[in-house]
Protein backbone atom coordinates (compact mmCIF):
# COMPACT_ATOMS: atom_id res chain seq x y z
CA MET A 1 58.51 1.79 -11.15
CA LYS A 2 58.84 3.98 -8.07
CA LEU A 3 59.19 7.97 -8.53
CA ARG A 4 62.10 8.18 -6.45
CA GLU A 5 63.41 5.35 -8.83
CA MET A 6 62.25 7.74 -12.03
CA ARG A 7 64.28 10.76 -10.86
CA LEU A 8 67.24 8.97 -9.69
CA ILE A 9 67.54 7.59 -13.21
CA TRP A 10 67.03 10.93 -14.82
CA GLU A 11 69.21 13.19 -12.59
CA VAL A 12 71.93 10.50 -13.05
CA HIS A 13 71.47 10.86 -16.72
CA ARG A 14 71.65 14.44 -16.73
CA THR A 15 74.86 14.78 -14.74
CA GLY A 16 76.54 11.74 -15.53
CA SER A 17 77.56 11.09 -11.51
CA VAL A 18 75.55 9.31 -8.93
CA THR A 19 77.18 11.67 -6.26
CA ALA A 20 75.73 14.22 -8.57
CA ALA A 21 72.51 13.06 -8.61
CA ALA A 22 72.12 12.23 -4.78
CA ASP A 23 72.83 15.81 -3.92
CA VAL A 24 70.10 16.75 -6.42
CA LEU A 25 67.36 14.58 -4.66
CA ALA A 26 68.41 14.80 -0.59
CA MET A 27 70.11 11.52 -0.65
CA THR A 28 73.23 9.68 0.43
CA GLN A 29 75.41 8.41 -2.18
CA PRO A 30 75.41 5.39 -1.05
CA ALA A 31 72.14 5.09 -1.00
CA ALA A 32 72.07 5.86 -4.44
CA SER A 33 73.91 3.49 -5.48
CA LEU A 34 72.33 0.85 -3.85
CA LEU A 35 68.81 1.80 -5.12
CA LEU A 36 70.26 1.58 -8.90
CA ARG A 37 71.74 -1.73 -8.46
CA LEU A 38 68.25 -3.16 -6.89
CA LEU A 39 66.71 -1.33 -9.88
CA ASP A 40 69.03 -3.34 -12.09
CA GLU A 41 68.20 -6.59 -10.20
CA ARG A 42 64.73 -6.20 -10.37
CA LEU A 43 64.59 -5.24 -14.32
CA GLY A 44 67.25 -7.74 -15.66
CA PHE A 45 69.74 -5.21 -17.30
CA GLN A 46 71.64 -2.86 -16.58
CA ILE A 47 70.42 0.64 -16.94
CA PHE A 48 73.92 2.35 -16.71
CA ASP A 49 77.32 2.03 -18.49
CA ARG A 50 80.38 3.80 -16.88
CA ASP A 51 82.17 5.65 -19.85
CA ARG A 52 85.60 6.57 -18.26
CA ARG A 53 84.61 8.71 -15.38
CA ARG A 54 81.04 9.33 -16.64
CA LEU A 55 77.91 7.20 -16.48
CA SER A 56 75.94 6.95 -19.29
CA LEU A 57 72.72 4.88 -20.17
CA SER A 58 73.07 1.45 -21.56
CA ALA A 59 71.36 0.59 -24.96
CA LYS A 60 68.81 -0.68 -22.77
CA GLY A 61 68.94 2.22 -20.75
CA ARG A 62 67.83 4.61 -23.34
CA GLY A 63 64.84 2.63 -24.29
CA LEU A 64 63.79 3.83 -21.00
CA LEU A 65 64.28 7.77 -21.78
CA PRO A 66 60.96 8.41 -23.69
CA ASP A 67 58.44 7.07 -20.93
CA LEU A 68 60.89 8.13 -18.23
CA ALA A 69 60.87 11.89 -19.67
CA ALA A 70 57.17 11.83 -20.40
CA ALA A 71 56.12 10.40 -16.86
CA LEU A 72 58.17 12.78 -15.23
CA ALA A 73 56.88 16.03 -17.19
CA ALA A 74 53.33 14.32 -16.51
CA LEU A 75 53.83 14.24 -12.84
CA ASP A 76 55.66 17.81 -12.53
CA GLY A 77 52.52 19.01 -14.56
CA LEU A 78 50.13 17.30 -12.19
CA SER A 79 52.27 18.80 -9.02
CA ARG A 80 51.62 22.56 -10.81
CA THR A 81 47.73 22.28 -11.44
CA ALA A 82 47.16 21.07 -7.81
CA GLN A 83 49.37 23.79 -6.57
CA SER A 84 47.60 26.03 -8.51
CA LEU A 85 43.99 24.78 -7.15
CA ARG A 86 45.25 24.77 -3.70
CA SER A 87 46.11 28.56 -4.12
CA GLU A 88 42.51 29.39 -5.95
CA ALA A 89 40.70 27.19 -3.45
CA PRO A 90 38.47 29.54 -0.68
CA ARG A 91 40.04 29.44 3.06
CA ARG A 92 37.10 27.41 4.98
CA LEU A 93 36.64 27.54 8.78
CA LEU A 94 34.13 24.90 9.81
CA ILE A 95 32.75 25.21 13.62
CA GLY A 96 30.64 22.75 15.13
CA THR A 97 28.74 24.17 18.06
CA VAL A 98 25.88 23.71 20.42
CA ALA A 99 22.24 25.76 18.99
CA SER A 100 22.03 28.05 21.83
CA ALA A 101 25.93 29.27 21.01
CA ALA A 102 25.04 29.40 17.25
CA GLY A 103 22.02 31.50 18.09
CA THR A 104 23.70 33.46 20.86
CA VAL A 105 27.39 34.76 20.89
CA LEU A 106 29.14 32.85 18.25
CA PRO A 107 28.03 35.22 15.54
CA ARG A 108 28.93 38.34 17.56
CA ALA A 109 32.20 36.48 18.43
CA LEU A 110 32.77 35.50 14.52
CA GLY A 111 31.87 39.58 13.37
CA ARG A 112 34.70 41.11 15.75
CA MET A 113 36.96 38.91 13.56
CA ARG A 114 35.44 39.71 10.12
CA ALA A 115 39.04 41.22 8.82
CA ALA A 116 41.02 38.28 9.83
CA LEU A 117 38.63 36.28 8.18
CA ARG A 118 38.02 38.12 5.55
CA ASP A 119 38.74 35.38 2.50
CA THR A 120 37.43 32.84 4.66
CA THR A 121 34.25 31.18 4.02
CA VAL A 122 32.88 30.03 7.75
CA THR A 123 30.80 26.90 8.04
CA VAL A 124 28.87 26.75 11.01
CA ARG A 125 27.20 22.95 12.04
CA THR A 126 24.78 22.56 15.07
CA ALA A 127 24.82 19.66 17.23
CA MET A 128 24.80 18.01 20.60
CA SER A 129 27.94 18.59 22.55
CA LEU A 130 29.17 14.69 22.58
CA GLU A 131 28.87 14.64 18.63
CA ILE A 132 30.60 18.08 18.97
CA GLU A 133 33.47 16.60 20.48
CA ARG A 134 33.23 13.46 18.31
CA MET A 135 33.34 15.76 14.82
CA VAL A 136 36.52 17.74 16.98
CA ALA A 137 38.81 14.33 18.04
CA GLU A 138 38.24 13.57 14.40
CA GLY A 139 39.06 16.61 12.62
CA SER A 140 36.12 16.95 10.89
CA VAL A 141 35.69 20.76 12.30
CA ASP A 142 38.23 22.96 13.36
CA PHE A 143 36.56 24.03 16.52
CA GLY A 144 33.89 23.05 18.69
CA LEU A 145 31.55 25.01 21.46
CA VAL A 146 30.07 22.34 23.65
CA VAL A 147 28.32 23.03 26.94
CA ARG A 148 29.67 20.80 29.80
CA THR A 149 29.33 20.03 33.37
CA GLY A 150 31.01 21.07 36.36
CA GLU A 151 33.67 24.13 37.37
CA GLU A 152 36.72 22.13 36.70
CA VAL A 153 37.57 22.70 32.51
CA ALA A 154 39.17 19.62 31.17
CA ALA A 155 42.34 19.53 29.39
CA ASP A 156 41.09 19.82 26.10
CA GLY A 157 38.87 22.63 26.17
CA VAL A 158 39.20 26.62 27.31
CA ARG A 159 36.25 27.47 29.36
CA VAL A 160 34.71 30.78 27.56
CA ALA A 161 31.71 31.73 29.62
CA PRO A 162 30.17 30.14 32.82
CA LEU A 163 26.73 28.98 32.70
CA ARG A 164 23.64 28.37 35.27
CA LEU A 165 20.08 26.82 34.69
CA HIS A 166 17.34 29.40 34.31
CA CYS A 167 13.74 29.07 34.86
CA VAL A 168 11.70 31.35 31.68
CA ALA A 169 8.55 32.45 32.39
CA THR A 170 6.38 35.04 30.98
CA ALA A 171 6.44 38.56 32.73
CA GLY A 172 4.72 39.23 35.73
CA SER A 173 4.58 35.48 36.37
CA ALA A 174 5.37 34.45 40.26
CA PRO A 175 8.70 33.03 38.71
CA ALA A 176 9.40 35.87 36.68
CA ARG A 177 9.21 37.82 40.41
CA ARG A 178 11.73 35.92 41.97
CA ARG A 179 15.60 36.40 42.11
CA THR A 180 15.88 33.03 41.68
CA VAL A 181 13.66 30.24 41.45
CA PRO A 182 13.95 27.23 43.91
CA THR A 183 13.91 23.82 42.38
CA ALA A 184 10.80 22.93 44.57
CA MET A 185 8.90 25.95 42.73
CA LEU A 186 10.00 24.58 39.56
CA ALA A 187 8.73 21.31 40.21
CA SER A 188 5.27 22.37 41.27
CA ARG A 189 4.96 23.87 38.36
CA SER A 190 3.81 22.72 34.56
CA TYR A 191 7.39 22.76 32.68
CA VAL A 192 9.34 22.49 29.29
CA SER A 193 12.80 20.94 29.05
CA LEU A 194 15.10 19.80 26.94
CA SER A 195 15.23 16.25 26.05
CA ARG A 196 17.67 14.17 28.45
CA GLN A 197 20.31 13.29 25.34
CA PHE A 198 21.02 17.36 25.65
CA THR A 199 23.52 18.62 28.71
CA VAL A 200 21.08 20.82 30.22
CA GLY A 201 17.95 18.31 29.72
CA ALA A 202 20.24 15.74 32.23
CA MET A 203 21.41 18.12 34.32
CA THR A 204 17.53 19.49 34.64
CA ALA A 205 16.46 15.85 35.58
CA ARG A 206 19.25 15.06 37.58
CA LEU A 207 18.66 18.52 39.59
CA LEU A 208 14.75 17.39 40.28
CA GLU A 209 15.44 14.02 41.07
CA ASP A 210 18.59 14.78 43.61
CA SER A 211 16.02 16.92 45.05
CA GLY A 212 14.08 13.65 45.64
CA LEU A 213 11.65 15.34 42.63
CA ARG A 214 10.24 13.83 40.12
CA TYR A 215 11.03 14.75 36.18
CA ALA A 216 8.16 14.75 34.79
CA PRO A 217 7.46 18.02 32.23
CA ALA A 218 4.67 18.48 30.58
CA VAL A 219 6.77 19.02 27.17
CA GLU A 220 10.15 17.93 26.03
CA VAL A 221 11.72 19.54 23.01
CA MET A 222 14.81 19.43 21.13
CA HIS A 223 15.63 23.47 20.84
CA TYR A 224 15.89 26.23 23.19
CA SER A 225 13.76 28.40 20.77
CA SER A 226 10.61 25.72 20.63
CA ALA A 227 10.77 25.52 24.99
CA CYS A 228 10.67 29.62 24.58
CA ALA A 229 7.75 29.37 22.08
CA PHE A 230 5.70 26.69 24.29
CA VAL A 231 6.37 29.18 27.59
CA GLU A 232 5.10 32.34 25.25
CA GLN A 233 2.17 29.81 24.69
CA GLY A 234 0.93 28.96 27.90
CA TRP A 235 2.58 25.98 28.74
CA GLY A 236 4.15 26.83 32.04
CA VAL A 237 8.17 27.58 32.80
CA ALA A 238 11.02 26.14 30.72
CA VAL A 239 14.89 25.36 31.79
CA LEU A 240 17.50 26.49 30.18
CA ASP A 241 20.82 27.51 30.60
CA THR A 242 22.39 31.07 30.17
CA LEU A 243 22.50 31.31 26.49
CA GLY A 244 19.33 30.00 26.32
CA ALA A 245 18.47 32.62 29.11
CA LEU A 246 19.80 35.63 26.83
CA HIS A 247 17.38 34.25 24.04
CA ALA A 248 14.34 34.03 26.21
CA ARG A 249 15.07 38.00 27.59
CA ARG A 250 15.12 38.80 23.47
CA LEU A 251 11.76 37.53 23.29
CA GLY A 252 10.49 39.48 26.77
CA LEU A 253 10.52 36.84 28.84
CA SER A 254 11.94 36.41 31.85
CA ALA A 255 14.93 33.90 32.71
CA PRO A 256 15.94 34.19 37.04
CA PRO A 257 18.80 31.48 37.59
CA ILE A 258 17.76 28.46 39.77
CA THR A 259 19.22 28.59 42.91
CA ASP A 260 20.74 25.48 43.42
CA SER A 261 21.74 25.12 39.94
CA PRO A 262 24.85 23.07 39.02
CA ALA A 263 28.19 24.76 37.48
CA LEU A 264 27.40 24.46 33.34
CA GLY A 265 30.09 25.88 31.35
CA LEU A 266 30.38 26.95 27.72
CA ASP A 267 33.77 25.23 26.20
CA LEU A 268 35.63 26.08 23.07
CA LEU A 269 37.55 22.36 22.00
CA CYS A 270 40.25 22.82 19.15
CA SER A 271 41.23 20.29 16.80
CA PRO A 272 44.94 19.85 17.50
CA ASN A 273 45.77 19.38 13.62
CA SER A 274 43.84 22.20 12.31
CA SER A 275 45.20 24.95 10.40
CA ALA A 276 42.85 26.98 11.90
CA MET A 277 44.51 27.15 15.15
CA VAL A 278 46.00 30.24 14.66
CA HIS A 279 42.17 31.67 15.05
CA ALA A 280 41.95 29.89 18.57
CA ALA A 281 43.06 32.91 20.94
CA ALA A 282 41.37 35.43 19.13
CA LEU A 283 37.85 33.29 18.91
CA SER A 284 37.97 32.27 22.56
CA ARG A 285 38.58 35.82 23.62
CA HIS A 286 35.81 36.95 21.53
CA LEU A 287 33.56 34.45 22.65
CA SER A 288 34.17 35.54 26.42
CA ALA A 289 33.82 38.99 25.11
CA ALA A 290 30.77 38.59 23.29
CA PHE A 291 29.24 36.67 26.24
CA GLU A 292 29.85 39.69 28.86
CA ALA A 293 28.37 41.95 25.86
CA ALA A 294 24.89 39.82 26.22
CA LEU A 295 24.95 39.55 29.74
CA ARG A 296 24.72 43.79 29.87
CA ALA A 297 22.51 44.11 27.14
């Protein structure tokens, strides 16, 4: 027996009226009458007898009453328990992000939101941009921070920081002394690159190949901090985006932009069905502010 049917039987028993029971259950009277008639047919007996103007349980209908009352009481208790657990459960904010944003602008941005997130557990998952886009689409994270190419922002995102490619080099080296580094100078040196599966790695390869140069890194890595470490150990220069360049400068490395770098951007994606959407505008604003502050530092 379905929950709606059980509640209808109970309310008709309690009120003695199909009309009154229908009002309690937000049903129309014809719909309630039809449901009772179909239920009688399915069970093979009449649940209610009409006594003058009031409906009362038939002899067989009364046999249902003890189990019906127990079932409804159990369901009511289950609902109260679930509500209690829901109110006691800690709120959680899930953010999928590229590693370079997780290590630079995201902590500062969330730091400015600590009052609004006071009772919230923040979980940060780092992944590649394509994987983060999938996570946002599936709703497994509330927000995503991805690096995308081009100056135009896709309809599903908000551009929180404009990025470009930079040449990370040791202080005092020839690239470090330049305001910008030409692609030809980059190609003439030993260099470290992110793997092609990353947006920055793919753009580095395209930049070189579009200039008629061969993509041939001395070292190919999976993380921006690894690229900086190889530069520190004398493996040449590295190509990173502006976020990676912020990290490099904290290490005392130089990171002039590459002259003909393609346009890139850090975009904030929001899961449309997430209750955390209330934080979207503030998170976007604070990410942009954190990026600007990091550039000035």
